Amino acid sequence: MKKAPWIPDQKGAWAMATVPPIIGIVAGGPVWQHIPVAALWITGYCLYFTADNWLRARRRATYLPPVRFWALWVALFAAASLVAAGCLLRWAWLFIPLVLVTAWTSFRRESRSLLARSSEVIAAGLMTPVMWDLSYRADHGIASISALASQGLTQGITATAQGSRVLLVTIAVIYYFWCTIPFVKSLVREKASRAYLATSIIAHALGLAGAFALFTLNHAGVLFAIVWAVLAIRCAIFTFVARRTSRASHRTAPHRTTSQPLNAKQLLITVGIIETIISIVYIPAVLTLSW
């Protein structure tokens, strides 16, 4: 019987989970309150991964232990975060609908749908302004919760320090990771879909155009434009390779011993490694943005 995984095993997903909060911490400056909040976010990601596997396995008992394990740690770090950074409850109104969407799609075993992936990307991207906001807050602790009644829960990205820059960086982070959704789907799971292929190409073209426009207007550094040029080239190369190997696999007879084209697993591993490298470079690139 297949063992239940305890740790997310997708390199690209780990980049999506870790890069946005790192950007927020670097941009705003580290404070000790980042530690419990980051721990809550990572354990929450692990809980979502294991719970989704449990649901897709039709609630098999062997998949339940990791869900219980991560649920316990999430509860502990949630309590620690509430004490250390209760002020961040003002972000709850943005995360709650995203959590509900991902939970709903998981219950329907549709966690790989465009809706589910998009909600995951948005939630991850919002960790950039959350961490950034935390760097500039003087009222971190649990006592700050009482102030929320007067402030209201509608304070969002634009209410943080350096509001316009935070918003620009957040959009750039979310858009970058969202582009990976149609890109990866057009290579593997939806490689027969012209809609996903067109979406991937158009999304990268718009990202490249936007990056060079920001660079031209002195709102971005040259590294940001270079990274998007690399992303566009990467999209073109892998799209060509995926379609070429797909056609080759159809032409090659099963009994032939000639070299086999790159299979889906190898392709995903290769893409995951490259995405991890690009994501690391994207950290200093996106921090060149200003408004």
C-alpha atoms as a PDB file:
ATOM      1  CA  MET A   1       0.000   0.000   0.000  1.00  0.00           C
ATOM      2  CA  LYS A   2       1.264   3.442  -0.915  1.00  0.00           C
ATOM      3  CA  LYS A   3       2.412   5.485   2.086  1.00  0.00           C
ATOM      4  CA  ALA A   4       0.866   8.876   2.742  1.00  0.00           C
ATOM      5  CA  PRO A   5       3.307  11.741   2.077  1.00  0.00           C
ATOM      6  CA  TRP A   6       4.011  14.021   5.031  1.00  0.00           C
ATOM      7  CA  ILE A   7       5.855  16.805   3.227  1.00  0.00           C
ATOM      8  CA  PRO A   8       4.869  18.560  -0.041  1.00  0.00           C
ATOM      9  CA  ASP A   9       7.069  17.115  -2.778  1.00  0.00           C
ATOM     10  CA  GLN A  10       6.725  19.742  -5.519  1.00  0.00           C
ATOM     11  CA  LYS A  11       9.705  22.070  -5.900  1.00  0.00           C
ATOM     12  CA  GLY A  12       7.685  24.743  -7.686  1.00  0.00           C
ATOM     13  CA  ALA A  13       5.039  24.700  -4.953  1.00  0.00           C
ATOM     14  CA  TRP A  14       7.691  25.190  -2.280  1.00  0.00           C
ATOM     15  CA  ALA A  15       8.986  28.207  -4.174  1.00  0.00           C
ATOM     16  CA  MET A  16       5.461  29.617  -4.280  1.00  0.00           C
ATOM     17  CA  ALA A  17       5.044  29.033  -0.535  1.00  0.00           C
ATOM     18  CA  THR A  18       8.362  30.515   0.592  1.00  0.00           C
ATOM     19  CA  VAL A  19       9.344  33.274  -1.848  1.00  0.00           C
ATOM     20  CA  PRO A  20       6.424  35.728  -1.167  1.00  0.00           C
ATOM     21  CA  PRO A  21       6.943  35.879   2.620  1.00  0.00           C
ATOM     22  CA  ILE A  22      10.708  36.156   2.115  1.00  0.00           C
ATOM     23  CA  ILE A  23      10.159  39.152  -0.167  1.00  0.00           C
ATOM     24  CA  GLY A  24       7.984  40.806   2.478  1.00  0.00           C
ATOM     25  CA  ILE A  25      10.539  40.166   5.217  1.00  0.00           C
ATOM     26  CA  VAL A  26      13.461  41.453   3.149  1.00  0.00           C
ATOM     27  CA  ALA A  27      11.552  44.526   1.961  1.00  0.00           C
ATOM     28  CA  GLY A  28      10.249  45.559   5.379  1.00  0.00           C
ATOM     29  CA  GLY A  29      13.127  44.323   7.501  1.00  0.00           C
ATOM     30  CA  PRO A  30      13.073  41.269   9.789  1.00  0.00           C
ATOM     31  CA  VAL A  31      11.412  41.373  13.213  1.00  0.00           C
ATOM     32  CA  TRP A  32      11.084  38.470  15.621  1.00  0.00           C
ATOM     33  CA  GLN A  33       7.299  38.364  15.081  1.00  0.00           C
ATOM     34  CA  HIS A  34       7.981  37.042  11.585  1.00  0.00           C
ATOM     35  CA  ILE A  35       9.063  33.695  13.089  1.00  0.00           C
ATOM     36  CA  PRO A  36       5.701  32.423  14.435  1.00  0.00           C
ATOM     37  CA  VAL A  37       3.795  33.860  11.469  1.00  0.00           C
ATOM     38  CA  ALA A  38       6.155  32.184   8.970  1.00  0.00           C
ATOM     39  CA  ALA A  39       5.898  28.924  10.918  1.00  0.00           C
ATOM     40  CA  LEU A  40       2.099  29.166  10.830  1.00  0.00           C
ATOM     41  CA  TRP A  41       2.147  29.736   7.083  1.00  0.00           C
ATOM     42  CA  ILE A  42       4.475  26.803   6.320  1.00  0.00           C
ATOM     43  CA  THR A  43       2.710  24.351   8.620  1.00  0.00           C
ATOM     44  CA  GLY A  44      -0.596  25.537   7.168  1.00  0.00           C
ATOM     45  CA  TYR A  45       0.710  24.737   3.708  1.00  0.00           C
ATOM     46  CA  CYS A  46       1.750  21.260   4.869  1.00  0.00           C
ATOM     47  CA  LEU A  47      -1.683  20.749   6.456  1.00  0.00           C
ATOM     48  CA  TYR A  48      -3.418  21.724   3.222  1.00  0.00           C
ATOM     49  CA  PHE A  49      -1.198  19.358   1.217  1.00  0.00           C
ATOM     50  CA  THR A  50      -1.783  16.361   3.490  1.00  0.00           C
ATOM     51  CA  ALA A  51      -5.503  17.075   3.900  1.00  0.00           C
ATOM     52  CA  ASP A  52      -5.915  17.326   0.150  1.00  0.00           C
ATOM     53  CA  ASN A  53      -4.166  13.967  -0.293  1.00  0.00           C
ATOM     54  CA  TRP A  54      -6.424  12.457   2.357  1.00  0.00           C
ATOM     55  CA  LEU A  55      -9.545  13.723   0.585  1.00  0.00           C
ATOM     56  CA  ARG A  56      -8.322  12.613  -2.854  1.00  0.00           C
ATOM     57  CA  ALA A  57      -7.613   9.171  -1.345  1.00  0.00           C
ATOM     58  CA  ARG A  58     -11.287   9.047  -0.314  1.00  0.00           C
ATOM     59  CA  ARG A  59     -10.480   9.580   3.379  1.00  0.00           C
ATOM     60  CA  ARG A  60      -8.334   6.470   3.725  1.00  0.00           C
ATOM     61  CA  ALA A  61      -7.173   5.987   7.319  1.00  0.00           C
ATOM     62  CA  THR A  62      -3.516   5.647   6.284  1.00  0.00           C
ATOM     63  CA  TYR A  63      -3.568   9.240   5.016  1.00  0.00           C
ATOM     64  CA  LEU A  64      -4.933  10.695   8.272  1.00  0.00           C
ATOM     65  CA  PRO A  65      -1.849  10.695  10.614  1.00  0.00           C
ATOM     66  CA  PRO A  66       0.002  13.490   8.753  1.00  0.00           C
ATOM     67  CA  VAL A  67      -3.202  15.561   8.720  1.00  0.00           C
ATOM     68  CA  ARG A  68      -3.486  15.270  12.508  1.00  0.00           C
ATOM     69  CA  PHE A  69       0.214  16.014  12.954  1.00  0.00           C
ATOM     70  CA  TRP A  70       0.159  19.240  10.921  1.00  0.00           C
ATOM     71  CA  ALA A  71      -3.219  20.311  12.353  1.00  0.00           C
ATOM     72  CA  LEU A  72      -1.670  20.232  15.835  1.00  0.00           C
ATOM     73  CA  TRP A  73       1.279  22.387  14.770  1.00  0.00           C
ATOM     74  CA  VAL A  74      -1.008  24.806  12.952  1.00  0.00           C
ATOM     75  CA  ALA A  75      -3.047  25.248  16.132  1.00  0.00           C
ATOM     76  CA  LEU A  76       0.089  25.871  18.195  1.00  0.00           C
ATOM     77  CA  PHE A  77       1.593  28.393  15.768  1.00  0.00           C
ATOM     78  CA  ALA A  78      -1.785  30.078  15.293  1.00  0.00           C
ATOM     79  CA  ALA A  79      -1.941  30.696  19.028  1.00  0.00           C
ATOM     80  CA  ALA A  80       1.674  31.937  19.052  1.00  0.00           C
ATOM     81  CA  SER A  81       0.991  34.247  16.109  1.00  0.00           C
ATOM     82  CA  LEU A  82      -2.127  35.619  17.766  1.00  0.00           C
ATOM     83  CA  VAL A  83      -0.115  36.560  20.849  1.00  0.00           C
ATOM     84  CA  ALA A  84       2.915  37.878  18.943  1.00  0.00           C
ATOM     85  CA  ALA A  85       1.147  39.542  16.017  1.00  0.00           C
ATOM     86  CA  GLY A  86      -2.544  39.891  16.756  1.00  0.00           C
ATOM     87  CA  CYS A  87      -2.608  42.987  14.547  1.00  0.00           C
ATOM     88  CA  LEU A  88      -2.483  40.745  11.493  1.00  0.00           C
ATOM     89  CA  LEU A  89      -6.082  39.693  12.078  1.00  0.00           C
ATOM     90  CA  ARG A  90      -6.962  42.701   9.927  1.00  0.00           C
ATOM     91  CA  TRP A  91      -5.790  40.604   6.947  1.00  0.00           C
ATOM     92  CA  ALA A  92      -8.256  37.828   7.730  1.00  0.00           C
ATOM     93  CA  TRP A  93     -10.949  39.249   5.439  1.00  0.00           C
ATOM     94  CA  LEU A  94      -8.664  38.627   2.461  1.00  0.00           C
ATOM     95  CA  PHE A  95      -7.610  35.092   3.424  1.00  0.00           C
ATOM     96  CA  ILE A  96     -10.931  33.641   4.577  1.00  0.00           C
ATOM     97  CA  PRO A  97     -12.576  33.462   1.108  1.00  0.00           C
ATOM     98  CA  LEU A  98      -9.381  31.984  -0.366  1.00  0.00           C
ATOM     99  CA  VAL A  99      -9.272  29.302   2.330  1.00  0.00           C
ATOM    100  CA  LEU A 100     -12.947  28.507   1.703  1.00  0.00           C
ATOM    101  CA  VAL A 101     -12.336  28.146  -2.047  1.00  0.00           C
ATOM    102  CA  THR A 102      -9.386  25.788  -1.561  1.00  0.00           C
ATOM    103  CA  ALA A 103     -11.322  23.751   1.021  1.00  0.00           C
ATOM    104  CA  TRP A 104     -14.338  23.505  -1.291  1.00  0.00           C
ATOM    105  CA  THR A 105     -12.261  22.391  -4.286  1.00  0.00           C
ATOM    106  CA  SER A 106     -10.418  19.847  -2.119  1.00  0.00           C
ATOM    107  CA  PHE A 107     -13.693  18.334  -0.899  1.00  0.00           C
ATOM    108  CA  ARG A 108     -14.736  18.030  -4.538  1.00  0.00           C
ATOM    109  CA  ARG A 109     -11.305  16.542  -5.359  1.00  0.00           C
ATOM    110  CA  GLU A 110     -10.670  19.398  -7.775  1.00  0.00           C
ATOM    111  CA  SER A 111      -7.574  20.829  -6.090  1.00  0.00           C
ATOM    112  CA  ARG A 112      -5.721  20.903  -9.417  1.00  0.00           C
ATOM    113  CA  SER A 113      -8.341  23.047 -11.132  1.00  0.00           C
ATOM    114  CA  LEU A 114      -7.574  26.557 -12.324  1.00  0.00           C
ATOM    115  CA  LEU A 115      -9.810  28.002  -9.591  1.00  0.00           C
ATOM    116  CA  ALA A 116      -8.031  26.103  -6.820  1.00  0.00           C
ATOM    117  CA  ARG A 117      -4.543  26.878  -8.104  1.00  0.00           C
ATOM    118  CA  SER A 118      -5.396  30.558  -8.550  1.00  0.00           C
ATOM    119  CA  SER A 119      -6.683  30.867  -4.980  1.00  0.00           C
ATOM    120  CA  GLU A 120      -3.491  29.184  -3.711  1.00  0.00           C
ATOM    121  CA  VAL A 121      -1.314  31.617  -5.663  1.00  0.00           C
ATOM    122  CA  ILE A 122      -3.241  34.662  -4.431  1.00  0.00           C
ATOM    123  CA  ALA A 123      -3.031  33.465  -0.815  1.00  0.00           C
ATOM    124  CA  ALA A 124       0.714  32.871  -1.146  1.00  0.00           C
ATOM    125  CA  GLY A 125       1.251  36.248  -2.813  1.00  0.00           C
ATOM    126  CA  LEU A 126      -0.602  38.033  -0.014  1.00  0.00           C
ATOM    127  CA  MET A 127       2.068  36.826   2.415  1.00  0.00           C
ATOM    128  CA  THR A 128       4.334  39.497   0.905  1.00  0.00           C
ATOM    129  CA  PRO A 129       2.293  42.474   2.206  1.00  0.00           C
ATOM    130  CA  VAL A 130       1.458  40.585   5.421  1.00  0.00           C
ATOM    131  CA  MET A 131       5.135  40.220   6.328  1.00  0.00           C
ATOM    132  CA  TRP A 132       5.893  43.720   5.046  1.00  0.00           C
ATOM    133  CA  ASP A 133       3.105  45.159   7.156  1.00  0.00           C
ATOM    134  CA  LEU A 134       4.355  43.316  10.229  1.00  0.00           C
ATOM    135  CA  SER A 135       7.785  44.946   9.852  1.00  0.00           C
ATOM    136  CA  TYR A 136       6.282  48.423  10.211  1.00  0.00           C
ATOM    137  CA  ARG A 137       3.698  47.785  12.935  1.00  0.00           C
ATOM    138  CA  ALA A 138       4.410  49.155  16.392  1.00  0.00           C
ATOM    139  CA  ASP A 139       1.330  47.470  17.939  1.00  0.00           C
ATOM    140  CA  HIS A 140       2.250  43.861  17.241  1.00  0.00           C
ATOM    141  CA  GLY A 141       0.875  42.052  20.260  1.00  0.00           C
ATOM    142  CA  ILE A 142      -2.437  40.638  21.326  1.00  0.00           C
ATOM    143  CA  ALA A 143      -3.426  43.978  22.865  1.00  0.00           C
ATOM    144  CA  SER A 144      -3.662  45.396  19.348  1.00  0.00           C
ATOM    145  CA  ILE A 145      -6.706  43.202  18.656  1.00  0.00           C
ATOM    146  CA  SER A 146      -8.894  45.590  20.652  1.00  0.00           C
ATOM    147  CA  ALA A 147      -7.948  48.379  18.250  1.00  0.00           C
ATOM    148  CA  LEU A 148      -9.378  46.433  15.325  1.00  0.00           C
ATOM    149  CA  ALA A 149     -12.914  47.306  16.363  1.00  0.00           C
ATOM    150  CA  SER A 150     -12.259  50.977  15.784  1.00  0.00           C
ATOM    151  CA  GLN A 151      -9.981  50.523  12.779  1.00  0.00           C
ATOM    152  CA  GLY A 152     -12.205  48.019  11.046  1.00  0.00           C
ATOM    153  CA  LEU A 153     -11.136  44.940   9.105  1.00  0.00           C
ATOM    154  CA  THR A 154     -11.115  46.671   5.727  1.00  0.00           C
ATOM    155  CA  GLN A 155      -7.539  47.863   5.999  1.00  0.00           C
ATOM    156  CA  GLY A 156      -5.626  46.004   3.297  1.00  0.00           C
ATOM    157  CA  ILE A 157      -2.616  46.315   1.113  1.00  0.00           C
ATOM    158  CA  THR A 158      -2.867  50.059   0.521  1.00  0.00           C
ATOM    159  CA  ALA A 159      -3.005  50.715   4.279  1.00  0.00           C
ATOM    160  CA  THR A 160       0.481  49.326   4.866  1.00  0.00           C
ATOM    161  CA  ALA A 161       3.656  51.381   4.944  1.00  0.00           C
ATOM    162  CA  GLN A 162       4.816  52.447   1.469  1.00  0.00           C
ATOM    163  CA  GLY A 163       1.343  51.514   0.235  1.00  0.00           C
ATOM    164  CA  SER A 164       1.790  52.023  -3.509  1.00  0.00           C
ATOM    165  CA  ARG A 165       5.088  50.128  -3.632  1.00  0.00           C
ATOM    166  CA  VAL A 166       3.637  47.271  -1.572  1.00  0.00           C
ATOM    167  CA  LEU A 167       0.727  47.013  -3.977  1.00  0.00           C
ATOM    168  CA  LEU A 168       2.979  46.991  -7.040  1.00  0.00           C
ATOM    169  CA  VAL A 169       5.310  44.347  -5.603  1.00  0.00           C
ATOM    170  CA  THR A 170       2.370  42.203  -4.480  1.00  0.00           C
ATOM    171  CA  ILE A 171       0.781  42.282  -7.934  1.00  0.00           C
ATOM    172  CA  ALA A 172       4.137  41.373  -9.514  1.00  0.00           C
ATOM    173  CA  VAL A 173       4.579  38.434  -7.131  1.00  0.00           C
ATOM    174  CA  ILE A 174       1.057  37.082  -7.633  1.00  0.00           C
ATOM    175  CA  TYR A 175       1.193  37.517 -11.411  1.00  0.00           C
ATOM    176  CA  TYR A 176       4.548  35.738 -11.695  1.00  0.00           C
ATOM    177  CA  PHE A 177       3.349  32.669  -9.809  1.00  0.00           C
ATOM    178  CA  TRP A 178      -0.030  32.698 -11.534  1.00  0.00           C
ATOM    179  CA  CYS A 179       1.723  32.491 -14.919  1.00  0.00           C
ATOM    180  CA  THR A 180       3.196  29.159 -13.837  1.00  0.00           C
ATOM    181  CA  ILE A 181      -0.316  27.635 -13.685  1.00  0.00           C
ATOM    182  CA  PRO A 182      -1.205  27.720 -17.411  1.00  0.00           C
ATOM    183  CA  PHE A 183       2.482  27.190 -18.255  1.00  0.00           C
ATOM    184  CA  VAL A 184       2.779  23.875 -16.379  1.00  0.00           C
ATOM    185  CA  LYS A 185      -0.709  22.727 -17.374  1.00  0.00           C
ATOM    186  CA  SER A 186       0.049  23.362 -21.054  1.00  0.00           C
ATOM    187  CA  LEU A 187       3.139  21.162 -20.734  1.00  0.00           C
ATOM    188  CA  VAL A 188       1.666  18.139 -18.945  1.00  0.00           C
ATOM    189  CA  ARG A 189      -1.921  17.758 -17.742  1.00  0.00           C
ATOM    190  CA  GLU A 190      -3.567  19.983 -20.357  1.00  0.00           C
ATOM    191  CA  LYS A 191      -1.032  19.646 -23.161  1.00  0.00           C
ATOM    192  CA  ALA A 192      -3.844  18.946 -25.630  1.00  0.00           C
ATOM    193  CA  SER A 193      -5.626  22.168 -24.659  1.00  0.00           C
ATOM    194  CA  ARG A 194      -5.063  25.079 -27.014  1.00  0.00           C
ATOM    195  CA  ALA A 195      -6.770  27.362 -24.497  1.00  0.00           C
ATOM    196  CA  TYR A 196      -4.130  26.721 -21.828  1.00  0.00           C
ATOM    197  CA  LEU A 197      -1.352  27.038 -24.396  1.00  0.00           C
ATOM    198  CA  ALA A 198      -2.700  30.373 -25.604  1.00  0.00           C
ATOM    199  CA  THR A 199      -3.230  31.582 -22.027  1.00  0.00           C
ATOM    200  CA  SER A 200       0.360  30.700 -21.117  1.00  0.00           C
ATOM    201  CA  ILE A 201       1.810  32.490 -24.144  1.00  0.00           C
ATOM    202  CA  ILE A 202      -0.376  35.588 -23.724  1.00  0.00           C
ATOM    203  CA  ALA A 203       0.285  35.772 -19.952  1.00  0.00           C
ATOM    204  CA  HIS A 204       4.052  35.667 -20.464  1.00  0.00           C
ATOM    205  CA  ALA A 205       3.879  38.194 -23.293  1.00  0.00           C
ATOM    206  CA  LEU A 206       1.905  40.586 -21.095  1.00  0.00           C
ATOM    207  CA  GLY A 207       4.318  40.043 -18.217  1.00  0.00           C
ATOM    208  CA  LEU A 208       7.286  40.792 -20.471  1.00  0.00           C
ATOM    209  CA  ALA A 209       5.619  43.900 -21.883  1.00  0.00           C
ATOM    210  CA  GLY A 210       4.693  45.117 -18.412  1.00  0.00           C
ATOM    211  CA  ALA A 211       8.209  44.529 -17.084  1.00  0.00           C
ATOM    212  CA  PHE A 212       9.825  46.520 -19.869  1.00  0.00           C
ATOM    213  CA  ALA A 213       7.232  49.278 -19.507  1.00  0.00           C
ATOM    214  CA  LEU A 214       8.019  49.572 -15.796  1.00  0.00           C
ATOM    215  CA  PHE A 215      11.735  49.573 -16.559  1.00  0.00           C
ATOM    216  CA  THR A 216      11.305  52.273 -19.203  1.00  0.00           C
ATOM    217  CA  LEU A 217       9.295  54.409 -16.761  1.00  0.00           C
ATOM    218  CA  ASN A 218      11.987  53.946 -14.071  1.00  0.00           C
ATOM    219  CA  HIS A 219       9.627  51.954 -11.842  1.00  0.00           C
ATOM    220  CA  ALA A 220      11.720  48.779 -12.097  1.00  0.00           C
ATOM    221  CA  GLY A 221      15.371  47.822 -12.310  1.00  0.00           C
ATOM    222  CA  VAL A 222      16.986  46.112 -15.276  1.00  0.00           C
ATOM    223  CA  LEU A 223      17.056  42.783 -13.391  1.00  0.00           C
ATOM    224  CA  PHE A 224      13.245  42.731 -13.303  1.00  0.00           C
ATOM    225  CA  ALA A 225      13.067  43.154 -17.083  1.00  0.00           C
ATOM    226  CA  ILE A 226      15.772  40.513 -17.614  1.00  0.00           C
ATOM    227  CA  VAL A 227      13.952  37.962 -15.448  1.00  0.00           C
ATOM    228  CA  TRP A 228      10.749  38.400 -17.432  1.00  0.00           C
ATOM    229  CA  ALA A 229      12.692  38.036 -20.679  1.00  0.00           C
ATOM    230  CA  VAL A 230      14.100  34.760 -19.326  1.00  0.00           C
ATOM    231  CA  LEU A 231      10.584  33.660 -18.307  1.00  0.00           C
ATOM    232  CA  ALA A 232       9.256  34.342 -21.809  1.00  0.00           C
ATOM    233  CA  ILE A 233      12.163  32.440 -23.405  1.00  0.00           C
ATOM    234  CA  ARG A 234      11.697  29.571 -20.952  1.00  0.00           C
ATOM    235  CA  CYS A 235       8.011  29.417 -21.855  1.00  0.00           C
ATOM    236  CA  ALA A 236       8.794  29.249 -25.582  1.00  0.00           C
ATOM    237  CA  ILE A 237      11.514  26.600 -25.228  1.00  0.00           C
ATOM    238  CA  PHE A 238       9.604  24.250 -22.940  1.00  0.00           C
ATOM    239  CA  THR A 239       6.408  24.600 -24.968  1.00  0.00           C
ATOM    240  CA  PHE A 240       8.361  23.611 -28.087  1.00  0.00           C
ATOM    241  CA  VAL A 241      10.104  20.698 -26.340  1.00  0.00           C
ATOM    242  CA  ALA A 242       6.871  19.399 -24.775  1.00  0.00           C
ATOM    243  CA  ARG A 243       5.031  19.382 -28.077  1.00  0.00           C
ATOM    244  CA  ARG A 244       7.948  17.900 -29.980  1.00  0.00           C
ATOM    245  CA  THR A 245       8.409  15.050 -27.499  1.00  0.00           C
ATOM    246  CA  SER A 246       4.647  14.480 -27.400  1.00  0.00           C
ATOM    247  CA  ARG A 247       4.553  14.033 -31.178  1.00  0.00           C
ATOM    248  CA  ALA A 248       7.622  11.807 -31.034  1.00  0.00           C
ATOM    249  CA  SER A 249       6.065   9.550 -28.397  1.00  0.00           C
ATOM    250  CA  HIS A 250       3.013   9.029 -30.616  1.00  0.00           C
ATOM    251  CA  ARG A 251       5.183   8.122 -33.596  1.00  0.00           C
ATOM    252  CA  THR A 252       7.457   5.738 -31.669  1.00  0.00           C
ATOM    253  CA  ALA A 253       6.225   2.154 -31.492  1.00  0.00           C
ATOM    254  CA  PRO A 254       6.099   0.609 -27.999  1.00  0.00           C
ATOM    255  CA  HIS A 255       8.472  -2.251 -28.923  1.00  0.00           C
ATOM    256  CA  ARG A 256      11.241  -0.027 -30.292  1.00  0.00           C
ATOM    257  CA  THR A 257      14.406   0.398 -28.217  1.00  0.00           C
ATOM    258  CA  THR A 258      15.385   3.815 -29.506  1.00  0.00           C
ATOM    259  CA  SER A 259      15.850   6.662 -27.010  1.00  0.00           C
ATOM    260  CA  GLN A 260      12.561   7.735 -25.495  1.00  0.00           C
ATOM    261  CA  PRO A 261      11.393  11.347 -25.356  1.00  0.00           C
ATOM    262  CA  LEU A 262      11.265  13.254 -22.106  1.00  0.00           C
ATOM    263  CA  ASN A 263       8.323  11.892 -20.104  1.00  0.00           C
ATOM    264  CA  ALA A 264       5.912  13.934 -18.014  1.00  0.00           C
ATOM    265  CA  LYS A 265       7.648  13.208 -14.708  1.00  0.00           C
ATOM    266  CA  GLN A 266      11.081  14.174 -16.042  1.00  0.00           C
ATOM    267  CA  LEU A 267       9.600  17.303 -17.568  1.00  0.00           C
ATOM    268  CA  LEU A 268       7.987  18.339 -14.274  1.00  0.00           C
ATOM    269  CA  ILE A 269      11.218  17.741 -12.347  1.00  0.00           C
ATOM    270  CA  THR A 270      13.200  19.799 -14.850  1.00  0.00           C
ATOM    271  CA  VAL A 271      10.652  22.604 -14.836  1.00  0.00           C
ATOM    272  CA  GLY A 272      10.501  22.523 -11.024  1.00  0.00           C
ATOM    273  CA  ILE A 273      14.267  22.942 -10.691  1.00  0.00           C
ATOM    274  CA  ILE A 274      14.344  25.816 -13.173  1.00  0.00           C
ATOM    275  CA  GLU A 275      11.359  27.508 -11.520  1.00  0.00           C
ATOM    276  CA  THR A 276      13.088  27.288  -8.141  1.00  0.00           C
ATOM    277  CA  ILE A 277      16.180  29.013  -9.531  1.00  0.00           C
ATOM    278  CA  ILE A 278      14.127  31.713 -11.261  1.00  0.00           C
ATOM    279  CA  SER A 279      12.055  32.252  -8.103  1.00  0.00           C
ATOM    280  CA  ILE A 280      15.213  32.896  -6.077  1.00  0.00           C
ATOM    281  CA  VAL A 281      16.429  35.432  -8.642  1.00  0.00           C
ATOM    282  CA  TYR A 282      12.960  36.995  -8.672  1.00  0.00           C
ATOM    283  CA  ILE A 283      13.387  38.092  -5.039  1.00  0.00           C
ATOM    284  CA  PRO A 284      15.994  40.822  -5.714  1.00  0.00           C
ATOM    285  CA  ALA A 285      14.388  41.541  -9.101  1.00  0.00           C
ATOM    286  CA  VAL A 286      10.930  42.358  -7.722  1.00  0.00           C
ATOM    287  CA  LEU A 287      12.441  44.451  -4.917  1.00  0.00           C
ATOM    288  CA  THR A 288      13.695  46.911  -7.554  1.00  0.00           C
ATOM    289  CA  LEU A 289      10.064  47.948  -8.109  1.00  0.00           C
ATOM    290  CA  SER A 290       9.042  51.369  -6.843  1.00  0.00           C
ATOM    291  CA  TRP A 291       6.301  53.910  -7.485  1.00  0.00           C
END
